[in-house]
């Protein structure tokens, strides 16, 4: 049986696009599961105390810099000193269009309270995000 070459090409392209779409859907699904039941309030995002990890996506289009540093801070949380620096990470993204910063849940659940993420580009504060753990 001879299958026309154009039909094989169309079938291959269709299969390729289907696999890409499935990958995008799985990626979006896993990101939403990671963030749990995140809600937005006028003060910032709210997360549950059992959220496995917090992820922040920074598109770089409007931010200039070669090195980006994210600092996760517990501003006012239960059983934590005020403005306690939880963790920090520095990234040199090169030509990447976006940067992702992650913070994993501690062994126990997150302490309830108010938090913030500060992002610096080459040492200059460019973004602050406030969020709550409820």
Protein backbone atom coordinates (compact mmCIF):
# COMPACT_ATOMS: atom_id res chain seq x y z
CA UNK A 1 0.00 0.00 0.00
CA UNK A 2 1.44 3.37 -1.02
CA UNK A 3 0.61 6.29 1.27
CA UNK A 4 1.09 9.69 -0.35
CA UNK A 5 4.06 11.60 1.03
CA UNK A 6 1.89 14.69 1.78
CA UNK A 7 -0.42 12.60 3.96
CA UNK A 8 2.56 11.30 5.97
CA UNK A 9 3.85 14.85 6.44
CA UNK A 10 0.44 16.12 7.60
CA UNK A 11 0.08 13.15 9.96
CA UNK A 12 3.53 13.73 11.42
CA UNK A 13 2.83 17.44 11.98
CA UNK A 14 -0.54 16.64 13.59
CA UNK A 15 1.08 14.11 15.93
CA UNK A 16 3.86 16.58 16.82
CA UNK A 17 1.37 19.39 17.62
CA UNK A 18 -0.77 16.98 19.68
CA UNK A 19 2.24 15.93 21.77
CA UNK A 20 3.20 19.59 22.37
CA UNK A 21 -0.36 20.49 23.39
CA UNK A 22 -0.45 17.54 25.80
CA UNK A 23 2.86 18.66 27.29
CA UNK A 24 1.56 22.21 27.81
CA UNK A 25 -1.62 20.87 29.44
CA UNK A 26 0.36 18.59 31.79
CA UNK A 27 2.72 21.47 32.69
CA UNK A 28 -0.21 23.79 33.49
CA UNK A 29 -1.90 21.07 35.53
CA UNK A 30 1.22 20.40 37.60
CA UNK A 31 1.76 24.12 38.21
CA UNK A 32 -1.80 24.55 39.48
CA UNK A 33 -1.44 21.50 41.73
CA UNK A 34 1.79 22.90 43.15
CA UNK A 35 0.11 26.18 44.07
CA UNK A 36 -2.88 24.45 45.69
CA UNK A 37 -5.95 26.61 46.09
CA UNK A 38 -4.24 29.96 45.66
CA UNK A 39 -6.59 32.93 45.97
CA UNK A 40 -6.04 36.58 45.28
CA UNK A 41 -6.96 39.32 47.73
CA UNK A 42 -6.29 43.07 47.51
CA UNK A 43 -3.27 42.56 49.79
CA UNK A 44 -1.72 39.76 47.70
CA UNK A 45 -1.98 36.05 46.99
CA UNK A 46 -3.15 33.61 49.66
CA UNK A 47 -1.90 30.02 49.97
CA UNK A 48 -2.82 27.15 52.24
CA UNK A 49 -0.44 26.04 55.01
CA UNK A 50 -0.02 22.70 53.20
CA UNK A 51 1.01 24.10 49.79
CA UNK A 52 4.01 21.90 48.79
CA UNK A 53 6.04 24.71 47.23
CA UNK A 54 5.72 28.31 46.18
CA UNK A 55 6.75 29.24 42.66
CA UNK A 56 7.20 32.68 41.18
CA UNK A 57 7.49 33.37 37.45
CA UNK A 58 9.23 36.61 36.48
CA UNK A 59 8.97 37.56 32.79
CA UNK A 60 12.14 39.50 31.97
CA UNK A 61 10.82 41.74 29.20
CA UNK A 62 10.65 44.87 31.38
CA UNK A 63 13.52 44.07 33.76
CA UNK A 64 17.12 44.77 32.83
CA UNK A 65 19.95 42.97 34.56
CA UNK A 66 22.37 40.10 34.25
CA UNK A 67 21.94 38.67 37.75
CA UNK A 68 18.62 38.32 39.57
CA UNK A 69 18.29 37.55 43.26
CA UNK A 70 15.05 36.46 44.95
CA UNK A 71 14.71 36.69 48.72
CA UNK A 72 11.77 35.00 50.49
CA UNK A 73 10.87 36.79 53.73
CA UNK A 74 8.42 35.99 56.54
CA UNK A 75 7.24 39.52 57.41
CA UNK A 76 4.88 38.61 60.21
CA UNK A 77 4.29 34.87 60.64
CA UNK A 78 3.48 32.69 63.62
CA UNK A 79 6.51 31.40 65.56
CA UNK A 80 8.94 33.32 63.31
CA UNK A 81 10.90 36.51 64.05
CA UNK A 82 9.58 39.55 62.14
CA UNK A 83 11.15 40.03 58.70
CA UNK A 84 12.91 36.67 58.91
CA UNK A 85 14.82 35.83 55.72
CA UNK A 86 13.75 32.29 54.82
CA UNK A 87 15.92 31.74 51.77
CA UNK A 88 17.54 33.51 48.83
CA UNK A 89 18.65 32.41 45.39
CA UNK A 90 20.68 34.17 42.72
CA UNK A 91 20.24 33.40 39.04
CA UNK A 92 22.15 34.45 35.93
CA UNK A 93 19.51 33.73 33.27
CA UNK A 94 21.46 34.67 30.14
CA UNK A 95 18.95 35.03 27.30
CA UNK A 96 16.09 33.19 29.02
CA UNK A 97 12.81 35.16 28.65
CA UNK A 98 11.64 34.28 32.18
CA UNK A 99 13.01 33.24 35.54
CA UNK A 100 11.37 30.85 38.00
CA UNK A 101 12.00 31.03 41.74
CA UNK A 102 10.87 28.18 44.03
CA UNK A 103 10.55 27.76 47.77
CA UNK A 104 9.70 24.32 49.17
CA UNK A 105 7.46 23.83 52.19
CA UNK A 106 9.30 23.23 55.46
CA UNK A 107 9.05 19.80 57.08
CA UNK A 108 6.06 21.04 59.03
CA UNK A 109 3.30 23.09 57.40
CA UNK A 110 3.92 26.73 56.57
CA UNK A 111 3.47 29.05 59.55
CA UNK A 112 0.40 31.25 59.05
CA UNK A 113 1.13 34.88 58.35
CA UNK A 114 2.27 37.53 55.92
CA UNK A 115 5.24 36.98 53.61
CA UNK A 116 6.96 38.78 50.76
CA UNK A 117 9.28 37.99 47.89
CA UNK A 118 11.84 40.61 46.89
CA UNK A 119 13.55 40.39 43.52
CA UNK A 120 16.66 42.38 42.70
CA UNK A 121 18.32 42.84 39.31
CA UNK A 122 22.02 43.57 39.65
CA UNK A 123 21.40 44.56 43.29
CA UNK A 124 18.51 46.97 42.57
CA UNK A 125 15.04 46.09 43.91
CA UNK A 126 12.76 45.63 40.85
CA UNK A 127 9.80 43.64 42.20
CA UNK A 128 8.09 42.95 45.53
CA UNK A 129 5.26 40.44 45.87
CA UNK A 130 3.29 40.11 49.10
CA UNK A 131 1.46 36.90 49.92
CA UNK A 132 -0.27 35.24 52.82
CA UNK A 133 -0.29 31.73 54.23
CA UNK A 134 -3.68 30.97 55.79
